[in-house]
């Protein structure tokens, strides 16, 4: 166990400058570095990777604290967060629920007005686990928590694919994705050397998203630039395939989320197409239902009572994945799958791209054409970055082949 404590770095956003100054003075008296500001733009500029604790006022006249939480979620901020509010505990509880859904770490809260003694106690309470429970890596590996965290941010990882072979036929059923850390100053580190440590540091979700993103990108590259063809299974196809197979075995499914009436219509069409499929339940709650006890509890009770074999969750990524992890995992649902906007397509509200676009990997272009206002940033900017990376890789591969050919000819 490592008792060495790195110096805490605090960042405070509060429209009341006096409170900001009090927090800064108190933190410094406890041996912590602190930056306090009442300006959201200055807050964003000061938000560096070495910030370990954020104190955030939820109710400010010029900026919405909830929007700051969303911003921190988008940036995958790993600092602990203390939320502050003077308008009641319910606002704090709602913000804490939202922050959890965004993958943020709420470590405590302060209800205004609070005393300096309360502030000191809260700050010390957030520092104590850092001393007693700080995770340590394998002693034989020369890296620490900060280096692993930076590696995840910089995506210093590569994927290796291990085929899954059916012994009786020799047919390849699929591949298992294995992640390796390609550390520049050390070499290749296997998963046994860092996965457990990443879980202790609460980095495993970010690492999982990297694997999914990189795996999808490399699948596209294989299909369009290589000699290997990798089949793609979209959410719509996955739902239909599972329901078709599940109907024969009498499995039950629960449809959660989507736009109003989409889940109900999807359930009706799936039942008609798959006789024997049992619809355990359908729920399309209002947006933000998961942040309030009075709206989330009836949904969870409905799912628990229905006892479905499969729950299809259409809340959009990554919200649906966080929802599954926080709310459905404790219910011991056998299978829960995030399916994004699949209900809209299955219900017939939105037409799916033509087959030639699906098979060629350009379904995204069709979706962009249909909904440019919502999807332009995701597809145009994200796809451009990926295509540029693949183009550089392809040019390097061609150059390498030419060099090898010249060396072979001159022998």
Protein backbone atom coordinates (compact mmCIF):
# COMPACT_ATOMS: atom_id res chain seq x y z
CA UNK A 1 0.00 0.00 0.00
CA UNK A 2 1.40 3.41 -1.00
CA UNK A 3 1.14 6.13 1.65
CA UNK A 4 2.80 8.79 -0.50
CA UNK A 5 0.24 11.50 -1.20
CA UNK A 6 0.55 13.77 -4.22
CA UNK A 7 -0.26 17.42 -3.51
CA UNK A 8 -3.98 18.04 -4.01
CA UNK A 9 -4.88 20.59 -6.71
CA UNK A 10 -8.28 22.21 -6.34
CA UNK A 11 -10.30 24.17 -8.89
CA UNK A 12 -13.29 26.21 -7.70
CA UNK A 13 -16.10 27.72 -9.78
CA UNK A 14 -18.50 29.93 -7.81
CA UNK A 15 -20.10 33.23 -8.81
CA UNK A 16 -19.59 34.47 -5.23
CA UNK A 17 -15.95 35.58 -5.22
CA UNK A 18 -15.90 35.73 -1.43
CA UNK A 19 -16.72 32.02 -1.19
CA UNK A 20 -14.03 31.29 -3.75
CA UNK A 21 -11.48 33.17 -1.66
CA UNK A 22 -12.56 31.37 1.53
CA UNK A 23 -12.19 27.97 -0.16
CA UNK A 24 -8.77 28.93 -1.55
CA UNK A 25 -7.45 30.15 1.82
CA UNK A 26 -8.83 27.08 3.63
CA UNK A 27 -7.37 24.69 1.04
CA UNK A 28 -3.96 26.35 1.17
CA UNK A 29 -3.95 26.10 4.97
CA UNK A 30 -4.39 22.34 4.52
CA UNK A 31 -1.42 22.12 2.16
CA UNK A 32 -3.47 22.10 -1.06
CA UNK A 33 -3.03 24.17 -4.20
CA UNK A 34 -6.17 26.00 -5.23
CA UNK A 35 -7.44 28.16 -8.09
CA UNK A 36 -10.80 29.90 -7.57
CA UNK A 37 -12.72 31.73 -10.27
CA UNK A 38 -16.21 33.05 -10.98
CA UNK A 39 -15.76 32.92 -14.75
CA UNK A 40 -16.65 29.72 -16.63
CA UNK A 41 -14.13 30.39 -19.42
CA UNK A 42 -11.30 30.82 -16.91
CA UNK A 43 -12.49 27.64 -15.23
CA UNK A 44 -12.20 25.69 -18.49
CA UNK A 45 -8.71 27.11 -19.14
CA UNK A 46 -7.58 26.08 -15.65
CA UNK A 47 -9.01 22.57 -16.00
CA UNK A 48 -5.75 20.64 -16.40
CA UNK A 49 -5.12 16.90 -16.00
CA UNK A 50 -3.37 17.48 -12.66
CA UNK A 51 -6.51 18.94 -11.04
CA UNK A 52 -7.57 16.39 -8.42
CA UNK A 53 -10.64 18.07 -6.91
CA UNK A 54 -13.32 20.44 -8.25
CA UNK A 55 -15.73 22.49 -6.14
CA UNK A 56 -18.68 23.50 -8.32
CA UNK A 57 -21.56 25.82 -7.49
CA UNK A 58 -24.70 24.47 -9.18
CA UNK A 59 -26.74 27.68 -9.26
CA UNK A 60 -25.05 30.73 -10.78
CA UNK A 61 -26.67 33.65 -12.65
CA UNK A 62 -24.38 33.61 -15.70
CA UNK A 63 -23.67 29.90 -16.11
CA UNK A 64 -25.60 26.70 -15.38
CA UNK A 65 -23.70 24.34 -13.09
CA UNK A 66 -25.46 21.39 -14.74
CA UNK A 67 -24.00 22.41 -18.09
CA UNK A 68 -20.56 22.51 -16.48
CA UNK A 69 -21.14 18.93 -15.32
CA UNK A 70 -22.04 17.95 -18.88
CA UNK A 71 -18.86 19.65 -20.11
CA UNK A 72 -16.80 17.72 -17.55
CA UNK A 73 -18.50 14.52 -18.68
CA UNK A 74 -17.66 15.21 -22.33
CA UNK A 75 -14.02 15.79 -21.36
CA UNK A 76 -14.05 12.60 -19.25
CA UNK A 77 -12.80 14.52 -16.25
CA UNK A 78 -11.34 12.23 -13.57
CA UNK A 79 -11.09 14.76 -10.77
CA UNK A 80 -13.28 14.28 -7.73
CA UNK A 81 -16.18 16.76 -7.61
CA UNK A 82 -17.81 18.48 -4.65
CA UNK A 83 -21.10 20.11 -5.64
CA UNK A 84 -22.32 23.18 -3.77
CA UNK A 85 -25.82 24.64 -3.67
CA UNK A 86 -27.90 26.99 -1.56
CA UNK A 87 -31.31 26.14 -3.03
CA UNK A 88 -31.97 22.79 -1.40
CA UNK A 89 -30.70 19.25 -1.12
CA UNK A 90 -32.94 17.95 -3.95
CA UNK A 91 -30.98 20.00 -6.51
CA UNK A 92 -27.75 18.50 -5.19
CA UNK A 93 -29.13 14.95 -5.33
CA UNK A 94 -30.33 15.44 -8.92
CA UNK A 95 -26.95 16.81 -9.93
CA UNK A 96 -25.18 13.89 -8.27
CA UNK A 97 -27.36 11.41 -10.18
CA UNK A 98 -26.67 13.18 -13.48
CA UNK A 99 -22.94 13.29 -12.76
CA UNK A 100 -22.91 9.54 -12.14
CA UNK A 101 -24.66 8.96 -15.46
CA UNK A 102 -21.96 11.10 -17.13
CA UNK A 103 -19.21 8.97 -15.61
CA UNK A 104 -18.09 11.65 -13.16
CA UNK A 105 -16.98 11.04 -9.59
CA UNK A 106 -18.99 13.00 -6.99
CA UNK A 107 -17.05 12.69 -3.74
CA UNK A 108 -19.12 15.00 -1.51
CA UNK A 109 -21.47 18.00 -1.37
CA UNK A 110 -21.79 21.24 0.57
CA UNK A 111 -25.11 22.94 1.32
CA UNK A 112 -24.78 26.72 1.55
CA UNK A 113 -24.29 28.44 3.86
CA UNK A 114 -21.53 26.29 5.30
CA UNK A 115 -18.96 27.02 7.98
CA UNK A 116 -15.19 26.95 7.55
CA UNK A 117 -15.13 23.96 9.90
CA UNK A 118 -17.52 22.10 7.59
CA UNK A 119 -15.39 23.04 4.59
CA UNK A 120 -12.20 21.82 6.27
CA UNK A 121 -13.86 18.55 7.27
CA UNK A 122 -15.08 17.98 3.71
CA UNK A 123 -11.69 18.70 2.16
CA UNK A 124 -9.91 16.44 4.62
CA UNK A 125 -12.46 13.70 4.00
CA UNK A 126 -11.75 13.78 0.28
CA UNK A 127 -8.03 13.62 0.92
CA UNK A 128 -8.10 10.67 3.33
CA UNK A 129 -8.86 7.90 0.81
CA UNK A 130 -6.00 9.18 -1.32
CA UNK A 131 -3.62 8.37 1.53
CA UNK A 132 -5.06 5.04 2.68
CA UNK A 133 -6.29 3.43 -0.51
CA UNK A 134 -4.03 4.67 -3.23
CA UNK A 135 -3.64 1.81 -5.72
CA UNK A 136 -0.18 0.70 -6.75
CA UNK A 137 0.92 -1.14 -9.88
CA UNK A 138 3.02 -4.26 -10.06
CA UNK A 139 6.44 -3.41 -8.56
CA UNK A 140 8.20 -4.87 -11.61
CA UNK A 141 6.50 -2.40 -13.99
CA UNK A 142 8.00 1.09 -14.17
CA UNK A 143 4.84 3.20 -14.26
CA UNK A 144 2.52 4.86 -11.79
CA UNK A 145 -1.08 6.10 -11.66
CA UNK A 146 -0.35 9.39 -13.40
CA UNK A 147 1.49 7.68 -16.28
CA UNK A 148 -1.31 5.16 -16.83
CA UNK A 149 -3.91 7.92 -16.74
CA UNK A 150 -1.97 9.92 -19.33
CA UNK A 151 -1.59 6.81 -21.49
CA UNK A 152 -5.37 6.40 -21.57
CA UNK A 153 -5.78 10.07 -22.49
CA UNK A 154 -3.20 9.76 -25.28
CA UNK A 155 -4.56 6.37 -26.40
CA UNK A 156 -1.18 4.63 -26.18
CA UNK A 157 -2.77 1.24 -26.76
CA UNK A 158 -2.97 -1.25 -29.62
CA UNK A 159 -5.41 -4.06 -30.30
CA UNK A 160 -4.48 -7.67 -31.02
CA UNK A 161 -7.08 -10.05 -32.43
CA UNK A 162 -7.26 -13.71 -31.43
CA UNK A 163 -9.47 -15.91 -33.66
CA UNK A 164 -12.13 -18.13 -32.08
CA UNK A 165 -12.11 -21.42 -34.01
CA UNK A 166 -14.82 -24.09 -34.01
CA UNK A 167 -12.84 -27.29 -33.43
CA UNK A 168 -15.24 -29.61 -35.27
CA UNK A 169 -15.28 -27.64 -38.53
CA UNK A 170 -12.24 -25.41 -38.33
CA UNK A 171 -14.50 -22.44 -39.05
CA UNK A 172 -13.61 -19.05 -37.58
CA UNK A 173 -16.58 -17.94 -35.47
CA UNK A 174 -15.18 -14.57 -34.55
CA UNK A 175 -12.27 -12.84 -32.87
CA UNK A 176 -11.44 -11.85 -29.33
CA UNK A 177 -9.99 -8.37 -28.95
CA UNK A 178 -6.97 -8.12 -26.66
CA UNK A 179 -5.62 -4.72 -25.68
CA UNK A 180 -1.90 -4.00 -25.19
CA UNK A 181 -0.22 -0.87 -23.86
CA UNK A 182 2.38 0.32 -26.38
CA UNK A 183 4.43 2.42 -24.00
CA UNK A 184 6.95 4.55 -25.94
CA UNK A 185 9.79 4.31 -23.41
CA UNK A 186 9.24 0.72 -22.32
CA UNK A 187 7.70 -1.41 -25.07
CA UNK A 188 4.61 -3.60 -25.21
CA UNK A 189 2.85 -4.30 -21.89
CA UNK A 190 0.27 -7.11 -21.74
CA UNK A 191 -3.17 -6.66 -20.12
CA UNK A 192 -2.13 -8.53 -16.97
CA UNK A 193 0.29 -5.69 -16.27
CA UNK A 194 -2.22 -2.82 -16.21
CA UNK A 195 -5.91 -3.89 -16.41
CA UNK A 196 -6.35 -4.47 -12.66
CA UNK A 197 -4.56 -1.20 -11.94
CA UNK A 198 -6.79 0.60 -14.46
CA UNK A 199 -9.86 -0.75 -12.65
CA UNK A 200 -8.54 0.51 -9.31
CA UNK A 201 -8.00 3.94 -10.84
CA UNK A 202 -11.50 3.93 -12.37
CA UNK A 203 -10.03 4.15 -15.90
CA UNK A 204 -11.59 0.97 -17.22
CA UNK A 205 -14.61 2.68 -18.83
CA UNK A 206 -12.38 5.03 -20.82
CA UNK A 207 -10.19 2.12 -21.86
CA UNK A 208 -13.25 0.11 -22.94
CA UNK A 209 -14.52 2.97 -25.08
CA UNK A 210 -11.10 3.19 -26.71
CA UNK A 211 -11.23 -0.53 -27.57
CA UNK A 212 -14.70 -0.17 -29.10
CA UNK A 213 -13.78 2.94 -31.08
CA UNK A 214 -10.48 1.54 -32.33
CA UNK A 215 -12.02 -1.86 -33.10
CA UNK A 216 -14.76 -0.30 -35.23
CA UNK A 217 -12.23 1.87 -37.03
CA UNK A 218 -9.93 -1.06 -37.78
CA UNK A 219 -12.88 -3.12 -38.99
CA UNK A 220 -13.68 -0.35 -41.49
CA UNK A 221 -10.04 -0.20 -42.59
CA UNK A 222 -9.92 -3.99 -43.09
CA UNK A 223 -13.03 -3.91 -45.25
CA UNK A 224 -11.95 -1.01 -47.45
CA UNK A 225 -8.15 -1.05 -47.50
CA UNK A 226 -7.18 -4.64 -46.73
CA UNK A 227 -7.83 -8.14 -47.95
CA UNK A 228 -9.95 -9.21 -44.96
CA UNK A 229 -13.72 -8.77 -44.82
CA UNK A 230 -15.15 -8.24 -41.33
CA UNK A 231 -18.95 -8.40 -41.00
CA UNK A 232 -20.72 -5.54 -39.29
CA UNK A 233 -23.64 -6.07 -36.92
CA UNK A 234 -25.67 -2.90 -36.39
CA UNK A 235 -27.99 -2.43 -33.45
CA UNK A 236 -31.07 -2.95 -35.64
CA UNK A 237 -29.71 -6.25 -36.97
CA UNK A 238 -28.72 -7.36 -33.47
CA UNK A 239 -32.23 -6.78 -32.10
CA UNK A 240 -33.88 -8.61 -34.99
CA UNK A 241 -31.42 -11.51 -34.80
CA UNK A 242 -31.81 -11.96 -31.05
CA UNK A 243 -35.61 -11.76 -31.25
CA UNK A 244 -35.71 -14.29 -34.08
CA UNK A 245 -33.54 -16.75 -32.16
CA UNK A 246 -35.22 -15.92 -28.85
CA UNK A 247 -38.73 -16.57 -30.16
CA UNK A 248 -37.87 -20.22 -30.76
CA UNK A 249 -36.71 -20.56 -27.14
CA UNK A 250 -39.54 -18.56 -25.60
CA UNK A 251 -37.31 -15.71 -24.42
CA UNK A 252 -38.79 -12.44 -23.19
CA UNK A 253 -37.57 -8.94 -24.05
CA UNK A 254 -38.11 -5.51 -22.53
CA UNK A 255 -37.85 -2.32 -24.61
CA UNK A 256 -36.73 0.81 -22.76
CA UNK A 257 -36.30 4.33 -24.10
CA UNK A 258 -36.50 5.82 -27.57
CA UNK A 259 -38.74 8.62 -28.76
CA UNK A 260 -42.42 8.67 -27.67
CA UNK A 261 -44.41 5.67 -28.96
CA UNK A 262 -41.41 4.21 -30.81
CA UNK A 263 -40.81 1.38 -28.33
CA UNK A 264 -44.48 0.35 -28.39
CA UNK A 265 -44.58 0.23 -32.19
CA UNK A 266 -41.28 -1.64 -32.30
CA UNK A 267 -42.64 -4.22 -29.85
CA UNK A 268 -45.74 -4.76 -32.01
CA UNK A 269 -43.68 -5.27 -35.18
CA UNK A 270 -41.20 -7.60 -33.49
CA UNK A 271 -44.08 -9.70 -32.13
CA UNK A 272 -45.69 -9.98 -35.56
CA UNK A 273 -42.44 -10.96 -37.24
CA UNK A 274 -41.38 -13.40 -34.51
CA UNK A 275 -44.27 -15.59 -33.27
CA UNK A 276 -43.41 -16.96 -29.86
CA UNK A 277 -41.42 -13.91 -28.78
CA UNK A 278 -42.60 -12.66 -25.41
CA UNK A 279 -42.67 -8.90 -24.85
CA UNK A 280 -42.07 -8.57 -21.11
CA UNK A 281 -42.68 -4.85 -21.10
CA UNK A 282 -42.23 -1.48 -22.78
CA UNK A 283 -41.29 1.84 -21.19
CA UNK A 284 -40.63 5.20 -22.79
CA UNK A 285 -40.07 7.61 -19.89
CA UNK A 286 -39.45 11.33 -20.27
CA UNK A 287 -35.97 12.63 -20.93
CA UNK A 288 -33.93 12.89 -17.72
CA UNK A 289 -36.09 10.36 -15.85
CA UNK A 290 -32.98 8.66 -14.45
CA UNK A 291 -31.99 11.76 -12.44
CA UNK A 292 -35.05 11.72 -10.17
CA UNK A 293 -36.01 9.02 -7.68
CA UNK A 294 -39.74 9.45 -8.31
CA UNK A 295 -39.35 8.81 -12.06
CA UNK A 296 -36.58 6.19 -12.14
CA UNK A 297 -38.04 3.96 -9.42
CA UNK A 298 -41.28 2.97 -11.25
CA UNK A 299 -39.26 2.03 -14.34
CA UNK A 300 -36.89 -0.17 -12.37
CA UNK A 301 -39.80 -1.78 -10.52
CA UNK A 302 -41.50 -2.53 -13.85
CA UNK A 303 -38.34 -4.21 -15.19
CA UNK A 304 -37.76 -6.15 -11.97
CA UNK A 305 -41.36 -7.40 -11.93
CA UNK A 306 -41.26 -8.38 -15.63
CA UNK A 307 -38.04 -10.41 -15.21
CA UNK A 308 -37.05 -10.21 -18.90
CA UNK A 309 -34.26 -12.28 -20.40
CA UNK A 310 -33.09 -9.30 -22.51
CA UNK A 311 -33.48 -5.54 -22.05
CA UNK A 312 -32.90 -3.31 -25.08
CA UNK A 313 -31.94 0.16 -23.83
CA UNK A 314 -32.36 3.01 -26.33
CA UNK A 315 -31.05 6.07 -24.47
CA UNK A 316 -28.13 6.96 -26.73
CA UNK A 317 -24.42 6.40 -26.10
CA UNK A 318 -22.78 6.58 -23.66
CA UNK A 319 -25.79 7.39 -21.47
CA UNK A 320 -27.38 3.98 -22.06
CA UNK A 321 -24.19 2.15 -21.08
CA UNK A 322 -23.91 4.10 -17.83
CA UNK A 323 -27.60 3.42 -17.17
CA UNK A 324 -27.12 -0.31 -17.68
CA UNK A 325 -24.12 -0.38 -15.36
CA UNK A 326 -25.71 1.66 -12.57
CA UNK A 327 -29.36 0.60 -12.63
CA UNK A 328 -29.79 -2.68 -14.50
CA UNK A 329 -26.74 -4.56 -13.24
CA UNK A 330 -28.12 -4.63 -9.65
CA UNK A 331 -31.38 -6.11 -10.99
CA UNK A 332 -29.45 -9.14 -12.30
CA UNK A 333 -30.93 -8.82 -15.79
CA UNK A 334 -29.32 -11.65 -17.84
CA UNK A 335 -28.65 -9.47 -20.92
CA UNK A 336 -28.88 -5.68 -21.30
CA UNK A 337 -27.80 -4.07 -24.57
CA UNK A 338 -27.55 -0.40 -25.58
CA UNK A 339 -29.17 0.00 -29.01
CA UNK A 340 -29.13 3.76 -29.62
CA UNK A 341 -31.76 4.89 -32.11
CA UNK A 342 -32.73 1.41 -33.32
CA UNK A 343 -36.39 1.70 -32.19
CA UNK A 344 -36.98 4.59 -34.59
CA UNK A 345 -35.80 2.44 -37.50
CA UNK A 346 -37.55 -0.77 -36.44
CA UNK A 347 -40.82 1.06 -35.84
CA UNK A 348 -40.70 2.54 -39.33
CA UNK A 349 -40.51 6.15 -38.16
CA UNK A 350 -37.11 6.53 -39.86
CA UNK A 351 -36.08 4.77 -43.03
CA UNK A 352 -32.85 2.85 -42.92
CA UNK A 353 -30.13 3.43 -45.49
CA UNK A 354 -30.24 1.34 -48.69
CA UNK A 355 -28.56 -2.06 -48.48
CA UNK A 356 -25.65 -0.99 -50.66
CA UNK A 357 -24.85 1.83 -48.21
CA UNK A 358 -25.15 -0.53 -45.23
CA UNK A 359 -22.84 -3.14 -46.75
CA UNK A 360 -20.28 -0.58 -47.92
CA UNK A 361 -20.02 1.12 -44.54
CA UNK A 362 -21.65 4.40 -45.61
CA UNK A 363 -24.82 4.18 -43.54
CA UNK A 364 -23.42 7.09 -41.53
CA UNK A 365 -23.68 9.33 -44.63
CA UNK A 366 -27.35 8.48 -45.00
CA UNK A 367 -27.98 9.28 -41.31
CA UNK A 368 -26.06 12.55 -41.65
CA UNK A 369 -28.20 13.50 -44.67
CA UNK A 370 -31.39 12.77 -42.72
CA UNK A 371 -30.36 14.57 -39.49
CA UNK A 372 -27.51 17.01 -40.24
CA UNK A 373 -28.21 19.36 -37.32
CA UNK A 374 -27.57 16.67 -34.70
CA UNK A 375 -24.94 14.51 -36.41
CA UNK A 376 -22.69 16.81 -38.45
CA UNK A 377 -20.02 17.21 -35.77
CA UNK A 378 -19.90 13.51 -34.89
CA UNK A 379 -19.53 12.32 -38.48
CA UNK A 380 -17.79 15.10 -40.41
CA UNK A 381 -15.12 15.95 -37.84
CA UNK A 382 -14.74 12.48 -36.31
CA UNK A 383 -14.68 10.68 -39.66
CA UNK A 384 -12.24 13.18 -41.16
CA UNK A 385 -9.78 12.58 -38.31
CA UNK A 386 -10.04 8.82 -38.74
CA UNK A 387 -9.72 8.90 -42.55
CA UNK A 388 -6.61 11.06 -42.22
CA UNK A 389 -5.08 8.54 -39.82
CA UNK A 390 -5.88 5.62 -42.12
CA UNK A 391 -4.51 7.50 -45.15
CA UNK A 392 -1.21 8.11 -43.36
CA UNK A 393 -1.04 4.43 -42.39
CA UNK A 394 -1.78 3.36 -45.97
CA UNK A 395 0.90 5.65 -47.42
CA UNK A 396 3.45 4.32 -44.94
CA UNK A 397 2.49 0.75 -45.85
CA UNK A 398 2.92 1.45 -49.56
CA UNK A 399 6.27 3.10 -48.93
CA UNK A 400 7.38 0.11 -46.87
CA UNK A 401 6.37 -2.32 -49.62
CA UNK A 402 8.28 -0.30 -52.22
CA UNK A 403 11.38 -0.22 -50.05
CA UNK A 404 11.21 -3.98 -49.47
CA UNK A 405 10.78 -4.55 -53.22
CA UNK A 406 13.82 -2.39 -54.05
CA UNK A 407 15.93 -4.25 -51.48
CA UNK A 408 14.82 -7.58 -52.93
CA UNK A 409 15.61 -6.50 -56.51
CA UNK A 410 19.10 -5.24 -55.63
CA UNK A 411 20.10 -8.53 -53.95
